[in-house]
Amino acid sequence: MSTATLSSKGQITIPAAVRAAMGIDNGSRIEFVATENGQFLMIAAVSPAYKLKGMLRKPEAPVTIEQMNQMIASRGAATQ
């Protein structure tokens, strides 16, 4: 198990073995995700945006701009 110490500026140095295992380097972005039990996951945000393609299904029928505007207006009015 690797450990790190928090500096007075709120910074930590991620141990080299952890950086290598996560595939991160200088300038890499890290996400901290809260779990239900009060712990946090540290996730390397190194995947390019194009890898998100295909995560959402395509709509059954195309949606027009007018339909989008109607839905936004109806949802916005319902939350006020």
PDB file of N, CA and C in Angstrom:
ATOM      1  N   MET A   1       0.853  -1.172   0.000  1.00  0.00           N
ATOM      2  CA  MET A   1       0.000   0.000   0.000  1.00  0.00           C
ATOM      3  C   MET A   1       0.894   1.228   0.000  1.00  0.00           C
ATOM      4  N   SER A   2       0.519   2.207  -0.825  1.00  0.00           N
ATOM      5  CA  SER A   2       1.257   3.465  -0.902  1.00  0.00           C
ATOM      6  C   SER A   2       0.534   4.523  -0.088  1.00  0.00           C
ATOM      7  N   THR A   3       1.306   5.418   0.506  1.00  0.00           N
ATOM      8  CA  THR A   3       0.701   6.522   1.263  1.00  0.00           C
ATOM      9  C   THR A   3       1.318   7.838   0.808  1.00  0.00           C
ATOM     10  N   ALA A   4       0.624   8.934   1.104  1.00  0.00           N
ATOM     11  CA  ALA A   4       1.109  10.269   0.789  1.00  0.00           C
ATOM     12  C   ALA A   4       0.725  11.191   1.933  1.00  0.00           C
ATOM     13  N   THR A   5       1.447  12.290   2.077  1.00  0.00           N
ATOM     14  CA  THR A   5       1.187  13.255   3.142  1.00  0.00           C
ATOM     15  C   THR A   5       0.651  14.540   2.527  1.00  0.00           C
ATOM     16  N   LEU A   6      -0.371  15.094   3.149  1.00  0.00           N
ATOM     17  CA  LEU A   6      -0.973  16.347   2.697  1.00  0.00           C
ATOM     18  C   LEU A   6      -0.122  17.520   3.153  1.00  0.00           C
ATOM     19  N   SER A   7       0.217  18.425   2.217  1.00  0.00           N
ATOM     20  CA  SER A   7       1.016  19.603   2.576  1.00  0.00           C
ATOM     21  C   SER A   7       0.114  20.687   3.155  1.00  0.00           C
ATOM     22  N   SER A   8       0.741  21.740   3.676  1.00  0.00           N
ATOM     23  CA  SER A   8      -0.032  22.850   4.238  1.00  0.00           C
ATOM     24  C   SER A   8      -0.839  23.582   3.168  1.00  0.00           C
ATOM     25  N   LYS A   9      -0.475  23.401   1.888  1.00  0.00           N
ATOM     26  CA  LYS A   9      -1.220  24.003   0.773  1.00  0.00           C
ATOM     27  C   LYS A   9      -2.310  23.076   0.241  1.00  0.00           C
ATOM     28  N   GLY A  10      -2.530  21.940   0.886  1.00  0.00           N
ATOM     29  CA  GLY A  10      -3.555  21.002   0.438  1.00  0.00           C
ATOM     30  C   GLY A  10      -3.114  20.146  -0.729  1.00  0.00           C
ATOM     31  N   GLN A  11      -1.837  19.974  -0.917  1.00  0.00           N
ATOM     32  CA  GLN A  11      -1.311  19.197  -2.038  1.00  0.00           C
ATOM     33  C   GLN A  11      -0.731  17.878  -1.551  1.00  0.00           C
ATOM     34  N   ILE A  12      -0.771  16.877  -2.432  1.00  0.00           N
ATOM     35  CA  ILE A  12      -0.104  15.603  -2.149  1.00  0.00           C
ATOM     36  C   ILE A  12       0.747  15.232  -3.358  1.00  0.00           C
ATOM     37  N   THR A  13       1.749  14.419  -3.117  1.00  0.00           N
ATOM     38  CA  THR A  13       2.538  13.842  -4.191  1.00  0.00           C
ATOM     39  C   THR A  13       2.100  12.399  -4.328  1.00  0.00           C
ATOM     40  N   ILE A  14       1.605  12.055  -5.502  1.00  0.00           N
ATOM     41  CA  ILE A  14       1.153  10.683  -5.741  1.00  0.00           C
ATOM     42  C   ILE A  14       2.403   9.835  -5.964  1.00  0.00           C
ATOM     43  N   PRO A  15       2.559   8.750  -5.213  1.00  0.00           N
ATOM     44  CA  PRO A  15       3.760   7.918  -5.353  1.00  0.00           C
ATOM     45  C   PRO A  15       3.960   7.436  -6.790  1.00  0.00           C
ATOM     46  N   ALA A  16       5.215   7.298  -7.198  1.00  0.00           N
ATOM     47  CA  ALA A  16       5.565   6.915  -8.569  1.00  0.00           C
ATOM     48  C   ALA A  16       4.888   5.610  -8.986  1.00  0.00           C
ATOM     49  N   ALA A  17       4.829   4.627  -8.094  1.00  0.00           N
ATOM     50  CA  ALA A  17       4.217   3.341  -8.445  1.00  0.00           C
ATOM     51  C   ALA A  17       2.726   3.503  -8.761  1.00  0.00           C
ATOM     52  N   VAL A  18       2.056   4.392  -8.028  1.00  0.00           N
ATOM     53  CA  VAL A  18       0.629   4.640  -8.255  1.00  0.00           C
ATOM     54  C   VAL A  18       0.443   5.382  -9.575  1.00  0.00           C
ATOM     55  N   ARG A  19       1.286   6.378  -9.840  1.00  0.00           N
ATOM     56  CA  ARG A  19       1.199   7.115 -11.110  1.00  0.00           C
ATOM     57  C   ARG A  19       1.399   6.175 -12.286  1.00  0.00           C
ATOM     58  N   ALA A  20       2.352   5.287 -12.173  1.00  0.00           N
ATOM     59  CA  ALA A  20       2.617   4.343 -13.262  1.00  0.00           C
ATOM     60  C   ALA A  20       1.435   3.398 -13.464  1.00  0.00           C
ATOM     61  N   ALA A  21       0.875   2.909 -12.374  1.00  0.00           N
ATOM     62  CA  ALA A  21      -0.257   1.986 -12.471  1.00  0.00           C
ATOM     63  C   ALA A  21      -1.498   2.651 -13.054  1.00  0.00           C
ATOM     64  N   MET A  22      -1.666   3.947 -12.770  1.00  0.00           N
ATOM     65  CA  MET A  22      -2.822   4.680 -13.275  1.00  0.00           C
ATOM     66  C   MET A  22      -2.599   5.231 -14.675  1.00  0.00           C
ATOM     67  N   GLY A  23      -1.365   5.213 -15.148  1.00  0.00           N
ATOM     68  CA  GLY A  23      -1.055   5.734 -16.475  1.00  0.00           C
ATOM     69  C   GLY A  23      -1.128   7.244 -16.547  1.00  0.00           C
ATOM     70  N   ILE A  24      -0.733   7.911 -15.454  1.00  0.00           N
ATOM     71  CA  ILE A  24      -0.787   9.376 -15.432  1.00  0.00           C
ATOM     72  C   ILE A  24       0.622   9.949 -15.399  1.00  0.00           C
ATOM     73  N   ASP A  25       0.732  11.190 -15.852  1.00  0.00           N
ATOM     74  CA  ASP A  25       2.016  11.879 -15.918  1.00  0.00           C
ATOM     75  C   ASP A  25       1.785  13.357 -15.622  1.00  0.00           C
ATOM     76  N   ASN A  26       2.800  14.168 -15.733  1.00  0.00           N
ATOM     77  CA  ASN A  26       2.665  15.614 -15.501  1.00  0.00           C
ATOM     78  C   ASN A  26       1.509  16.172 -16.321  1.00  0.00           C
ATOM     79  N   GLY A  27       0.652  16.945 -15.694  1.00  0.00           N
ATOM     80  CA  GLY A  27      -0.459  17.578 -16.388  1.00  0.00           C
ATOM     81  C   GLY A  27      -1.702  16.714 -16.511  1.00  0.00           C
ATOM     82  N   SER A  28      -1.638  15.449 -16.075  1.00  0.00           N
ATOM     83  CA  SER A  28      -2.820  14.584 -16.148  1.00  0.00           C
ATOM     84  C   SER A  28      -3.896  15.095 -15.199  1.00  0.00           C
ATOM     85  N   ARG A  29      -5.148  14.889 -15.577  1.00  0.00           N
ATOM     86  CA  ARG A  29      -6.267  15.300 -14.727  1.00  0.00           C
ATOM     87  C   ARG A  29      -6.732  14.094 -13.920  1.00  0.00           C
ATOM     88  N   ILE A  30      -7.091  14.368 -12.663  1.00  0.00           N
ATOM     89  CA  ILE A  30      -7.571  13.341 -11.743  1.00  0.00           C
ATOM     90  C   ILE A  30      -8.968  13.735 -11.278  1.00  0.00           C
ATOM     91  N   GLU A  31      -9.882  12.775 -11.245  1.00  0.00           N
ATOM     92  CA  GLU A  31     -11.226  13.017 -10.725  1.00  0.00           C
ATOM     93  C   GLU A  31     -11.352  12.324  -9.377  1.00  0.00           C
ATOM     94  N   PHE A  32     -12.007  12.986  -8.433  1.00  0.00           N
ATOM     95  CA  PHE A  32     -12.287  12.408  -7.130  1.00  0.00           C
ATOM     96  C   PHE A  32     -13.794  12.172  -7.067  1.00  0.00           C
ATOM     97  N   VAL A  33     -14.173  10.916  -6.891  1.00  0.00           N
ATOM     98  CA  VAL A  33     -15.584  10.545  -6.916  1.00  0.00           C
ATOM     99  C   VAL A  33     -15.975  10.015  -5.537  1.00  0.00           C
ATOM    100  N   ALA A  34     -16.993  10.638  -4.927  1.00  0.00           N
ATOM    101  CA  ALA A  34     -17.472  10.200  -3.611  1.00  0.00           C
ATOM    102  C   ALA A  34     -18.268   8.901  -3.759  1.00  0.00           C
ATOM    103  N   THR A  35     -18.039   7.973  -2.837  1.00  0.00           N
ATOM    104  CA  THR A  35     -18.799   6.725  -2.822  1.00  0.00           C
ATOM    105  C   THR A  35     -19.851   6.805  -1.718  1.00  0.00           C
ATOM    106  N   GLU A  36     -20.760   5.857  -1.708  1.00  0.00           N
ATOM    107  CA  GLU A  36     -21.850   5.864  -0.734  1.00  0.00           C
ATOM    108  C   GLU A  36     -21.367   5.726   0.705  1.00  0.00           C
ATOM    109  N   ASN A  37     -20.231   5.070   0.897  1.00  0.00           N
ATOM    110  CA  ASN A  37     -19.752   4.839   2.263  1.00  0.00           C
ATOM    111  C   ASN A  37     -18.816   5.938   2.775  1.00  0.00           C
ATOM    112  N   GLY A  38     -18.799   7.092   2.092  1.00  0.00           N
ATOM    113  CA  GLY A  38     -18.002   8.214   2.560  1.00  0.00           C
ATOM    114  C   GLY A  38     -16.555   8.206   2.108  1.00  0.00           C
ATOM    115  N   GLN A  39     -16.162   7.243   1.307  1.00  0.00           N
ATOM    116  CA  GLN A  39     -14.802   7.211   0.778  1.00  0.00           C
ATOM    117  C   GLN A  39     -14.779   7.873  -0.598  1.00  0.00           C
ATOM    118  N   PHE A  40     -13.588   8.097  -1.125  1.00  0.00           N
ATOM    119  CA  PHE A  40     -13.435   8.693  -2.446  1.00  0.00           C
ATOM    120  C   PHE A  40     -12.612   7.785  -3.333  1.00  0.00           C
ATOM    121  N   LEU A  41     -12.983   7.743  -4.605  1.00  0.00           N
ATOM    122  CA  LEU A  41     -12.197   7.049  -5.618  1.00  0.00           C
ATOM    123  C   LEU A  41     -11.397   8.089  -6.371  1.00  0.00           C
ATOM    124  N   MET A  42     -10.155   7.785  -6.682  1.00  0.00           N
ATOM    125  CA  MET A  42      -9.313   8.673  -7.462  1.00  0.00           C
ATOM    126  C   MET A  42      -9.199   8.057  -8.850  1.00  0.00           C
ATOM    127  N   ILE A  43      -9.731   8.750  -9.859  1.00  0.00           N
ATOM    128  CA  ILE A  43      -9.805   8.200 -11.204  1.00  0.00           C
ATOM    129  C   ILE A  43      -9.026   9.101 -12.150  1.00  0.00           C
ATOM    130  N   ALA A  44      -8.154   8.489 -12.951  1.00  0.00           N
ATOM    131  CA  ALA A  44      -7.408   9.244 -13.947  1.00  0.00           C
ATOM    132  C   ALA A  44      -8.340   9.604 -15.091  1.00  0.00           C
ATOM    133  N   ALA A  45      -8.425  10.888 -15.394  1.00  0.00           N
ATOM    134  CA  ALA A  45      -9.270  11.355 -16.496  1.00  0.00           C
ATOM    135  C   ALA A  45      -8.394  11.497 -17.728  1.00  0.00           C
ATOM    136  N   VAL A  46      -7.916  10.370 -18.234  1.00  0.00           N
ATOM    137  CA  VAL A  46      -6.968  10.392 -19.343  1.00  0.00           C
ATOM    138  C   VAL A  46      -7.584   9.940 -20.661  1.00  0.00           C
ATOM    139  N   SER A  47      -8.831   9.509 -20.656  1.00  0.00           N
ATOM    140  CA  SER A  47      -9.458   9.058 -21.890  1.00  0.00           C
ATOM    141  C   SER A  47      -9.869  10.258 -22.738  1.00  0.00           C
ATOM    142  N   PRO A  48      -9.608  10.197 -24.038  1.00  0.00           N
ATOM    143  CA  PRO A  48     -10.039  11.294 -24.902  1.00  0.00           C
ATOM    144  C   PRO A  48     -11.563  11.298 -25.062  1.00  0.00           C
ATOM    145  N   ALA A  49     -12.100  12.441 -25.389  1.00  0.00           N
ATOM    146  CA  ALA A  49     -13.554  12.604 -25.489  1.00  0.00           C
ATOM    147  C   ALA A  49     -14.174  11.684 -26.534  1.00  0.00           C
ATOM    148  N   TYR A  50     -13.449  11.363 -27.608  1.00  0.00           N
ATOM    149  CA  TYR A  50     -14.042  10.531 -28.654  1.00  0.00           C
ATOM    150  C   TYR A  50     -14.393   9.123 -28.157  1.00  0.00           C
ATOM    151  N   LYS A  51     -13.817   8.699 -27.039  1.00  0.00           N
ATOM    152  CA  LYS A  51     -14.148   7.382 -26.493  1.00  0.00           C
ATOM    153  C   LYS A  51     -15.539   7.344 -25.869  1.00  0.00           C
ATOM    154  N   LEU A  52     -16.150   8.521 -25.694  1.00  0.00           N
ATOM    155  CA  LEU A  52     -17.512   8.582 -25.165  1.00  0.00           C
ATOM    156  C   LEU A  52     -18.542   8.209 -26.230  1.00  0.00           C
ATOM    157  N   LYS A  53     -18.127   8.201 -27.485  1.00  0.00           N
ATOM    158  CA  LYS A  53     -19.042   7.902 -28.584  1.00  0.00           C
ATOM    159  C   LYS A  53     -19.676   6.527 -28.376  1.00  0.00           C
ATOM    160  N   GLY A  54     -20.999   6.480 -28.517  1.00  0.00           N
ATOM    161  CA  GLY A  54     -21.716   5.224 -28.404  1.00  0.00           C
ATOM    162  C   GLY A  54     -22.221   4.912 -27.008  1.00  0.00           C
ATOM    163  N   MET A  55     -21.920   5.766 -26.029  1.00  0.00           N
ATOM    164  CA  MET A  55     -22.378   5.502 -24.669  1.00  0.00           C
ATOM    165  C   MET A  55     -23.892   5.673 -24.540  1.00  0.00           C
ATOM    166  N   LEU A  56     -24.451   6.585 -25.318  1.00  0.00           N
ATOM    167  CA  LEU A  56     -25.886   6.833 -25.274  1.00  0.00           C
ATOM    168  C   LEU A  56     -26.519   6.280 -26.540  1.00  0.00           C
ATOM    169  N   ARG A  57     -27.707   5.728 -26.380  1.00  0.00           N
ATOM    170  CA  ARG A  57     -28.389   5.187 -27.555  1.00  0.00           C
ATOM    171  C   ARG A  57     -28.903   6.321 -28.425  1.00  0.00           C
ATOM    172  N   LYS A  58     -29.094   6.028 -29.693  1.00  0.00           N
ATOM    173  CA  LYS A  58     -29.648   7.025 -30.605  1.00  0.00           C
ATOM    174  C   LYS A  58     -31.150   7.110 -30.383  1.00  0.00           C
ATOM    175  N   PRO A  59     -31.721   8.292 -30.534  1.00  0.00           N
ATOM    176  CA  PRO A  59     -33.174   8.412 -30.366  1.00  0.00           C
ATOM    177  C   PRO A  59     -33.902   7.651 -31.467  1.00  0.00           C
ATOM    178  N   GLU A  60     -35.105   7.183 -31.155  1.00  0.00           N
ATOM    179  CA  GLU A  60     -35.891   6.437 -32.135  1.00  0.00           C
ATOM    180  C   GLU A  60     -36.238   7.300 -33.339  1.00  0.00           C
ATOM    181  N   ALA A  61     -36.516   8.583 -33.086  1.00  0.00           N
ATOM    182  CA  ALA A  61     -36.836   9.512 -34.164  1.00  0.00           C
ATOM    183  C   ALA A  61     -36.100  10.817 -33.902  1.00  0.00           C
ATOM    184  N   PRO A  62     -35.707  11.514 -34.945  1.00  0.00           N
ATOM    185  CA  PRO A  62     -35.031  12.800 -34.735  1.00  0.00           C
ATOM    186  C   PRO A  62     -35.929  13.777 -33.988  1.00  0.00           C
ATOM    187  N   VAL A  63     -35.306  14.626 -33.193  1.00  0.00           N
ATOM    188  CA  VAL A  63     -36.033  15.628 -32.426  1.00  0.00           C
ATOM    189  C   VAL A  63     -35.753  16.981 -33.073  1.00  0.00           C
ATOM    190  N   THR A  64     -36.804  17.744 -33.293  1.00  0.00           N
ATOM    191  CA  THR A  64     -36.635  19.061 -33.911  1.00  0.00           C
ATOM    192  C   THR A  64     -36.243  20.088 -32.858  1.00  0.00           C
ATOM    193  N   ILE A  65     -35.725  21.209 -33.326  1.00  0.00           N
ATOM    194  CA  ILE A  65     -35.373  22.312 -32.431  1.00  0.00           C
ATOM    195  C   ILE A  65     -36.616  22.784 -31.686  1.00  0.00           C
ATOM    196  N   GLU A  66     -37.735  22.856 -32.378  1.00  0.00           N
ATOM    197  CA  GLU A  66     -38.986  23.294 -31.756  1.00  0.00           C
ATOM    198  C   GLU A  66     -39.385  22.362 -30.613  1.00  0.00           C
ATOM    199  N   GLN A  67     -39.240  21.042 -30.833  1.00  0.00           N
ATOM    200  CA  GLN A  67     -39.558  20.069 -29.779  1.00  0.00           C
ATOM    201  C   GLN A  67     -38.621  20.243 -28.580  1.00  0.00           C
ATOM    202  N   MET A  68     -37.347  20.477 -28.859  1.00  0.00           N
ATOM    203  CA  MET A  68     -36.391  20.691 -27.775  1.00  0.00           C
ATOM    204  C   MET A  68     -36.763  21.930 -26.968  1.00  0.00           C
ATOM    205  N   ASN A  69     -37.070  23.019 -27.674  1.00  0.00           N
ATOM    206  CA  ASN A  69     -37.444  24.258 -26.989  1.00  0.00           C
ATOM    207  C   ASN A  69     -38.710  24.081 -26.161  1.00  0.00           C
ATOM    208  N   GLN A  70     -39.683  23.339 -26.686  1.00  0.00           N
ATOM    209  CA  GLN A  70     -40.922  23.076 -25.943  1.00  0.00           C
ATOM    210  C   GLN A  70     -40.622  22.316 -24.659  1.00  0.00           C
ATOM    211  N   MET A  71     -39.791  21.294 -24.753  1.00  0.00           N
ATOM    212  CA  MET A  71     -39.467  20.474 -23.591  1.00  0.00           C
ATOM    213  C   MET A  71     -38.708  21.305 -22.546  1.00  0.00           C
ATOM    214  N   ILE A  72     -37.766  22.112 -23.010  1.00  0.00           N
ATOM    215  CA  ILE A  72     -37.015  22.960 -22.070  1.00  0.00           C
ATOM    216  C   ILE A  72     -37.949  23.916 -21.369  1.00  0.00           C
ATOM    217  N   ALA A  73     -38.854  24.543 -22.122  1.00  0.00           N
ATOM    218  CA  ALA A  73     -39.795  25.497 -21.546  1.00  0.00           C
ATOM    219  C   ALA A  73     -40.723  24.814 -20.548  1.00  0.00           C
ATOM    220  N   SER A  74     -41.197  23.630 -20.879  1.00  0.00           N
ATOM    221  CA  SER A  74     -42.128  22.938 -19.965  1.00  0.00           C
ATOM    222  C   SER A  74     -41.420  22.478 -18.693  1.00  0.00           C
ATOM    223  N   ARG A  75     -40.200  22.010 -18.811  1.00  0.00           N
ATOM    224  CA  ARG A  75     -39.459  21.553 -17.619  1.00  0.00           C
ATOM    225  C   ARG A  75     -39.032  22.742 -16.781  1.00  0.00           C
ATOM    226  N   GLY A  76     -38.647  23.825 -17.424  1.00  0.00           N
ATOM    227  CA  GLY A  76     -38.244  25.021 -16.676  1.00  0.00           C
ATOM    228  C   GLY A  76     -39.401  25.620 -15.915  1.00  0.00           C
ATOM    229  N   ALA A  77     -40.567  25.629 -16.519  1.00  0.00           N
ATOM    230  CA  ALA A  77     -41.755  26.174 -15.866  1.00  0.00           C
ATOM    231  C   ALA A  77     -42.194  25.301 -14.700  1.00  0.00           C
ATOM    232  N   ALA A  78     -41.964  23.996 -14.779  1.00  0.00           N
ATOM    233  CA  ALA A  78     -42.397  23.063 -13.738  1.00  0.00           C
ATOM    234  C   ALA A  78     -41.524  23.181 -12.486  1.00  0.00           C
ATOM    235  N   THR A  79     -40.276  23.627 -12.612  1.00  0.00           N
ATOM    236  CA  THR A  79     -39.370  23.675 -11.457  1.00  0.00           C
ATOM    237  C   THR A  79     -39.421  24.994 -10.716  1.00  0.00           C
ATOM    238  N   GLN A  80     -40.135  25.978 -11.246  1.00  0.00           N
ATOM    239  CA  GLN A  80     -40.158  27.293 -10.596  1.00  0.00           C
ATOM    240  C   GLN A  80     -41.248  27.380  -9.578  1.00  0.00           C
TER     241      GLN A  80
END
